[in-house]
N, C-alpha and C. Protein backbone atom coordinates (compact mmCIF):
# COMPACT_ATOMS: atom_id res chain seq x y z
N MET A 1 -58.23 57.47 -5.99
CA MET A 1 -57.41 57.74 -4.83
C MET A 1 -56.51 56.53 -4.51
N ARG A 2 -57.10 55.35 -4.56
CA ARG A 2 -56.37 54.14 -4.23
C ARG A 2 -55.25 53.90 -5.24
N ILE A 3 -55.49 54.17 -6.52
CA ILE A 3 -54.50 53.99 -7.55
C ILE A 3 -53.33 54.95 -7.37
N THR A 4 -53.69 56.16 -7.02
CA THR A 4 -52.64 57.21 -6.75
C THR A 4 -51.74 56.81 -5.60
N THR A 5 -52.33 56.30 -4.54
CA THR A 5 -51.55 55.86 -3.36
C THR A 5 -50.68 54.67 -3.73
N THR A 6 -51.18 53.75 -4.46
CA THR A 6 -50.41 52.59 -4.87
C THR A 6 -49.24 53.01 -5.75
N LEU A 7 -49.45 53.89 -6.71
CA LEU A 7 -48.38 54.39 -7.56
C LEU A 7 -47.31 55.11 -6.77
N MET A 8 -47.72 55.92 -5.79
CA MET A 8 -46.72 56.63 -4.98
C MET A 8 -45.86 55.68 -4.17
N MET A 9 -46.48 54.63 -3.61
CA MET A 9 -45.72 53.65 -2.84
C MET A 9 -44.78 52.89 -3.76
N ALA A 10 -45.20 52.57 -4.96
CA ALA A 10 -44.30 51.88 -5.86
C ALA A 10 -43.08 52.75 -6.26
N LEU A 11 -43.31 54.04 -6.44
CA LEU A 11 -42.20 54.95 -6.77
C LEU A 11 -41.20 55.07 -5.60
N ILE A 12 -41.75 55.15 -4.37
CA ILE A 12 -40.90 55.23 -3.20
C ILE A 12 -40.06 53.99 -3.04
N LEU A 13 -40.68 52.84 -3.19
CA LEU A 13 -39.95 51.58 -3.08
C LEU A 13 -38.88 51.41 -4.14
N SER A 14 -39.19 51.79 -5.41
CA SER A 14 -38.20 51.63 -6.44
C SER A 14 -37.06 52.61 -6.25
N ALA A 15 -37.31 53.76 -5.72
CA ALA A 15 -36.23 54.72 -5.47
C ALA A 15 -35.31 54.20 -4.36
N SER A 16 -35.86 53.59 -3.35
CA SER A 16 -35.00 53.08 -2.26
C SER A 16 -34.16 51.89 -2.74
N MET A 17 -34.71 51.08 -3.64
CA MET A 17 -33.98 49.95 -4.20
C MET A 17 -32.89 50.42 -5.12
N ALA A 18 -33.11 51.55 -5.76
CA ALA A 18 -32.11 52.07 -6.70
C ALA A 18 -30.80 52.48 -5.96
N MET A 19 -30.90 52.77 -4.71
CA MET A 19 -29.69 53.18 -3.91
C MET A 19 -28.87 51.98 -3.51
N ALA A 20 -29.46 50.83 -3.50
CA ALA A 20 -28.75 49.63 -3.10
C ALA A 20 -28.03 49.03 -4.30
N GLY A 21 -26.90 48.37 -4.03
CA GLY A 21 -26.17 47.71 -5.07
C GLY A 21 -26.60 46.27 -5.21
N GLU A 22 -26.27 45.70 -6.33
CA GLU A 22 -26.59 44.32 -6.58
C GLU A 22 -25.29 43.58 -6.90
N VAL A 23 -25.16 42.39 -6.30
CA VAL A 23 -24.01 41.53 -6.61
C VAL A 23 -24.61 40.32 -7.30
N TYR A 24 -24.07 40.01 -8.48
CA TYR A 24 -24.62 38.87 -9.22
C TYR A 24 -23.50 38.22 -10.00
N GLY A 25 -23.78 37.05 -10.52
CA GLY A 25 -22.79 36.34 -11.34
C GLY A 25 -23.12 34.86 -11.43
N THR A 26 -22.09 34.06 -11.75
CA THR A 26 -22.22 32.62 -11.87
C THR A 26 -21.15 31.96 -10.99
N ILE A 27 -21.41 30.71 -10.70
CA ILE A 27 -20.46 29.86 -10.00
C ILE A 27 -20.33 28.57 -10.79
N THR A 28 -19.12 28.24 -11.18
CA THR A 28 -18.86 27.01 -11.92
C THR A 28 -17.93 26.13 -11.16
N GLN A 29 -17.93 24.85 -11.50
CA GLN A 29 -16.98 23.85 -10.96
C GLN A 29 -16.53 23.07 -12.14
N GLY A 30 -15.25 23.20 -12.40
CA GLY A 30 -14.75 22.61 -13.67
C GLY A 30 -15.26 23.48 -14.78
N ASP A 31 -15.85 22.84 -15.83
CA ASP A 31 -16.37 23.63 -16.92
C ASP A 31 -17.91 23.65 -16.91
N LYS A 32 -18.51 23.29 -15.76
CA LYS A 32 -19.97 23.21 -15.66
C LYS A 32 -20.47 24.08 -14.53
N PRO A 33 -21.65 24.64 -14.67
CA PRO A 33 -22.25 25.43 -13.58
C PRO A 33 -22.62 24.50 -12.40
N VAL A 34 -22.54 25.05 -11.18
CA VAL A 34 -22.97 24.25 -10.03
C VAL A 34 -24.46 24.01 -10.12
N ALA A 35 -24.91 23.07 -9.37
CA ALA A 35 -26.36 22.71 -9.38
C ALA A 35 -27.19 23.82 -8.81
N ALA A 36 -28.47 23.73 -9.11
CA ALA A 36 -29.45 24.67 -8.51
C ALA A 36 -29.54 24.41 -6.99
N GLY A 37 -29.72 25.49 -6.25
CA GLY A 37 -29.88 25.36 -4.81
C GLY A 37 -28.65 25.45 -3.97
N VAL A 38 -27.49 25.76 -4.59
CA VAL A 38 -26.28 25.99 -3.80
C VAL A 38 -26.44 27.26 -3.04
N LYS A 39 -26.17 27.22 -1.75
CA LYS A 39 -26.34 28.41 -0.85
C LYS A 39 -25.22 29.38 -1.06
N VAL A 40 -25.60 30.66 -1.20
CA VAL A 40 -24.62 31.75 -1.34
C VAL A 40 -24.96 32.81 -0.33
N GLU A 41 -23.93 33.24 0.44
CA GLU A 41 -24.12 34.33 1.41
C GLU A 41 -23.14 35.44 1.09
N ILE A 42 -23.62 36.66 1.15
CA ILE A 42 -22.76 37.84 0.96
C ILE A 42 -22.85 38.65 2.23
N SER A 43 -21.71 38.90 2.83
CA SER A 43 -21.64 39.70 4.07
C SER A 43 -20.84 40.96 3.83
N VAL A 44 -21.50 42.10 4.10
CA VAL A 44 -20.86 43.40 4.02
C VAL A 44 -21.18 44.21 5.23
N LEU A 45 -20.16 44.72 5.91
CA LEU A 45 -20.32 45.54 7.09
C LEU A 45 -21.24 44.92 8.12
N GLY A 46 -21.10 43.59 8.36
CA GLY A 46 -21.87 42.92 9.36
C GLY A 46 -23.21 42.44 8.96
N LYS A 47 -23.69 42.85 7.83
CA LYS A 47 -25.03 42.42 7.32
C LYS A 47 -24.83 41.22 6.39
N VAL A 48 -25.67 40.22 6.50
CA VAL A 48 -25.58 39.03 5.68
C VAL A 48 -26.81 38.89 4.82
N TYR A 49 -26.59 38.66 3.52
CA TYR A 49 -27.64 38.48 2.54
C TYR A 49 -27.50 37.09 1.93
N GLU A 50 -28.58 36.39 1.78
CA GLU A 50 -28.54 35.02 1.34
C GLU A 50 -29.24 34.86 -0.02
N ALA A 51 -28.79 33.89 -0.76
CA ALA A 51 -29.43 33.54 -2.08
C ALA A 51 -29.05 32.10 -2.36
N GLU A 52 -29.66 31.57 -3.44
CA GLU A 52 -29.34 30.23 -3.94
C GLU A 52 -29.11 30.37 -5.44
N THR A 53 -28.28 29.45 -5.94
CA THR A 53 -28.02 29.41 -7.40
C THR A 53 -29.25 28.81 -8.11
N ASP A 54 -29.40 29.20 -9.40
CA ASP A 54 -30.39 28.58 -10.21
C ASP A 54 -29.76 27.44 -11.01
N LYS A 55 -30.51 26.86 -11.94
CA LYS A 55 -30.01 25.70 -12.70
C LYS A 55 -28.86 26.06 -13.60
N PHE A 56 -28.56 27.34 -13.79
CA PHE A 56 -27.43 27.75 -14.59
C PHE A 56 -26.20 28.17 -13.77
N GLY A 57 -26.31 27.99 -12.44
CA GLY A 57 -25.25 28.39 -11.51
C GLY A 57 -25.22 29.89 -11.24
N SER A 58 -26.29 30.56 -11.59
CA SER A 58 -26.33 32.05 -11.40
C SER A 58 -26.91 32.38 -10.04
N TYR A 59 -26.47 33.50 -9.47
CA TYR A 59 -26.99 34.02 -8.24
C TYR A 59 -27.18 35.49 -8.40
N ARG A 60 -28.04 36.07 -7.56
CA ARG A 60 -28.31 37.50 -7.58
C ARG A 60 -28.71 37.93 -6.14
N VAL A 61 -27.99 38.91 -5.60
CA VAL A 61 -28.22 39.37 -4.26
C VAL A 61 -28.26 40.91 -4.21
N LEU A 62 -29.28 41.46 -3.62
CA LEU A 62 -29.38 42.87 -3.42
C LEU A 62 -28.72 43.24 -2.10
N VAL A 63 -27.63 44.01 -2.17
CA VAL A 63 -26.81 44.34 -1.00
C VAL A 63 -26.99 45.85 -0.74
N LYS A 64 -27.48 46.23 0.41
CA LYS A 64 -27.72 47.63 0.71
C LYS A 64 -26.46 48.39 1.10
N GLU A 65 -25.51 47.70 1.70
CA GLU A 65 -24.26 48.37 2.16
C GLU A 65 -23.24 48.44 1.05
N LYS A 66 -22.35 49.39 1.17
CA LYS A 66 -21.22 49.51 0.19
C LYS A 66 -19.97 49.25 0.98
N GLY A 67 -19.02 48.56 0.34
CA GLY A 67 -17.72 48.35 0.97
C GLY A 67 -17.22 46.92 0.76
N LYS A 68 -16.14 46.64 1.49
CA LYS A 68 -15.49 45.33 1.45
C LYS A 68 -16.35 44.30 2.16
N GLY A 69 -16.43 43.14 1.53
CA GLY A 69 -17.25 42.04 2.10
C GLY A 69 -16.71 40.70 1.72
N THR A 70 -17.49 39.69 1.98
CA THR A 70 -17.12 38.32 1.63
C THR A 70 -18.32 37.59 1.06
N ILE A 71 -17.96 36.66 0.15
CA ILE A 71 -18.98 35.74 -0.38
C ILE A 71 -18.66 34.38 0.18
N THR A 72 -19.66 33.69 0.65
CA THR A 72 -19.48 32.36 1.17
C THR A 72 -20.40 31.38 0.37
N VAL A 73 -19.82 30.30 -0.15
CA VAL A 73 -20.59 29.31 -0.91
C VAL A 73 -20.58 28.02 -0.13
N ARG A 74 -21.76 27.48 0.04
CA ARG A 74 -21.95 26.18 0.79
C ARG A 74 -22.32 25.12 -0.23
N LEU A 75 -21.34 24.26 -0.55
CA LEU A 75 -21.59 23.20 -1.50
C LEU A 75 -21.46 21.86 -0.79
N ASN A 76 -22.59 21.15 -0.68
CA ASN A 76 -22.67 19.91 0.09
C ASN A 76 -22.30 20.24 1.49
N LYS A 77 -21.25 19.66 2.04
CA LYS A 77 -20.87 19.96 3.44
C LYS A 77 -19.64 20.88 3.49
N GLU A 78 -19.18 21.34 2.36
CA GLU A 78 -18.01 22.21 2.29
C GLU A 78 -18.41 23.67 2.22
N VAL A 79 -17.60 24.51 2.89
CA VAL A 79 -17.86 25.94 2.91
C VAL A 79 -16.58 26.66 2.47
N VAL A 80 -16.73 27.56 1.43
CA VAL A 80 -15.57 28.30 0.99
C VAL A 80 -15.98 29.77 0.87
N SER A 81 -14.98 30.63 1.06
CA SER A 81 -15.24 32.08 1.04
C SER A 81 -14.16 32.79 0.23
N ALA A 82 -14.51 33.96 -0.18
CA ALA A 82 -13.59 34.87 -0.89
C ALA A 82 -14.03 36.31 -0.67
N GLY A 83 -13.10 37.27 -0.92
CA GLY A 83 -13.39 38.65 -0.75
C GLY A 83 -14.05 39.24 -1.97
N LEU A 84 -14.86 40.28 -1.71
CA LEU A 84 -15.48 41.08 -2.81
C LEU A 84 -15.78 42.48 -2.33
N TYR A 85 -16.20 43.33 -3.22
CA TYR A 85 -16.62 44.69 -2.88
C TYR A 85 -18.01 44.92 -3.39
N SER A 86 -18.79 45.60 -2.57
CA SER A 86 -20.13 45.97 -2.95
C SER A 86 -20.17 47.44 -3.26
N TYR A 87 -20.76 47.86 -4.34
CA TYR A 87 -20.86 49.22 -4.77
C TYR A 87 -22.31 49.63 -4.84
N ASP A 88 -22.62 50.90 -5.12
CA ASP A 88 -24.02 51.28 -5.27
C ASP A 88 -24.53 50.93 -6.64
N LYS A 89 -23.67 50.49 -7.53
CA LYS A 89 -24.09 49.99 -8.84
C LYS A 89 -24.02 48.47 -8.82
N ALA A 90 -24.72 47.84 -9.77
CA ALA A 90 -24.67 46.37 -9.91
C ALA A 90 -23.23 45.98 -10.27
N THR A 91 -22.78 44.89 -9.62
CA THR A 91 -21.40 44.40 -9.89
C THR A 91 -21.45 42.90 -10.15
N ARG A 92 -20.78 42.48 -11.19
CA ARG A 92 -20.76 41.06 -11.51
C ARG A 92 -19.53 40.38 -10.99
N TYR A 93 -19.74 39.28 -10.32
CA TYR A 93 -18.63 38.42 -9.84
C TYR A 93 -18.90 37.00 -10.31
N ASP A 94 -18.05 36.47 -11.19
CA ASP A 94 -18.11 35.08 -11.58
C ASP A 94 -17.05 34.32 -10.86
N TRP A 95 -17.38 33.16 -10.34
CA TRP A 95 -16.52 32.37 -9.49
C TRP A 95 -16.30 30.96 -10.01
N ILE A 96 -15.15 30.42 -9.69
CA ILE A 96 -14.79 29.02 -10.03
C ILE A 96 -14.47 28.30 -8.75
N LEU A 97 -15.15 27.17 -8.53
CA LEU A 97 -14.84 26.26 -7.41
C LEU A 97 -13.75 25.31 -7.89
N GLN A 98 -12.64 25.26 -7.19
CA GLN A 98 -11.50 24.42 -7.57
C GLN A 98 -11.13 23.48 -6.41
N THR A 99 -10.77 22.26 -6.74
CA THR A 99 -10.28 21.35 -5.75
C THR A 99 -8.79 21.17 -5.96
N THR A 100 -8.00 21.56 -4.91
CA THR A 100 -6.56 21.45 -4.96
C THR A 100 -6.12 20.72 -3.71
N ASP A 101 -5.42 19.60 -3.89
CA ASP A 101 -4.91 18.79 -2.80
C ASP A 101 -6.08 18.37 -1.87
N GLY A 102 -7.24 18.11 -2.43
CA GLY A 102 -8.40 17.69 -1.65
C GLY A 102 -9.16 18.78 -0.98
N ALA A 103 -8.70 20.03 -1.11
CA ALA A 103 -9.42 21.14 -0.49
C ALA A 103 -10.10 21.99 -1.55
N LEU A 104 -11.33 22.36 -1.25
CA LEU A 104 -12.11 23.21 -2.16
C LEU A 104 -11.79 24.66 -1.95
N SER A 105 -11.64 25.42 -3.04
CA SER A 105 -11.35 26.85 -2.98
C SER A 105 -12.21 27.58 -3.95
N LEU A 106 -12.37 28.91 -3.67
CA LEU A 106 -13.19 29.75 -4.51
C LEU A 106 -12.32 30.83 -5.14
N LYS A 107 -12.25 30.87 -6.44
CA LYS A 107 -11.42 31.84 -7.18
C LYS A 107 -12.30 32.65 -8.10
N ARG A 108 -11.93 33.93 -8.28
CA ARG A 108 -12.66 34.77 -9.19
C ARG A 108 -12.23 34.45 -10.62
N LYS A 109 -13.21 34.38 -11.52
CA LYS A 109 -12.92 34.08 -12.94
C LYS A 109 -12.19 35.25 -13.59
């Protein structure tokens, strides 16, 4: 009985996660990935989801809402943002951090 209950709960949870979209990708600066631990926030329809990059500059965020949103990257004391869209399917966004005239900006690869 306990095994059946556990299996049913696992199926329900996996079905609810399947309805949510995933935003993932990499963040590079120059020709190298950013360091591990860079804060990434994705905001869609007023909801904010947070993640950190790994040692390869990769991030992965499960976003429940669909629609237009923003990604915000916090690197040291600088904060940069750019627009993105969240869908019900997984969507890859690779970003490049660029410094132009002393200002950091975030561009899609």
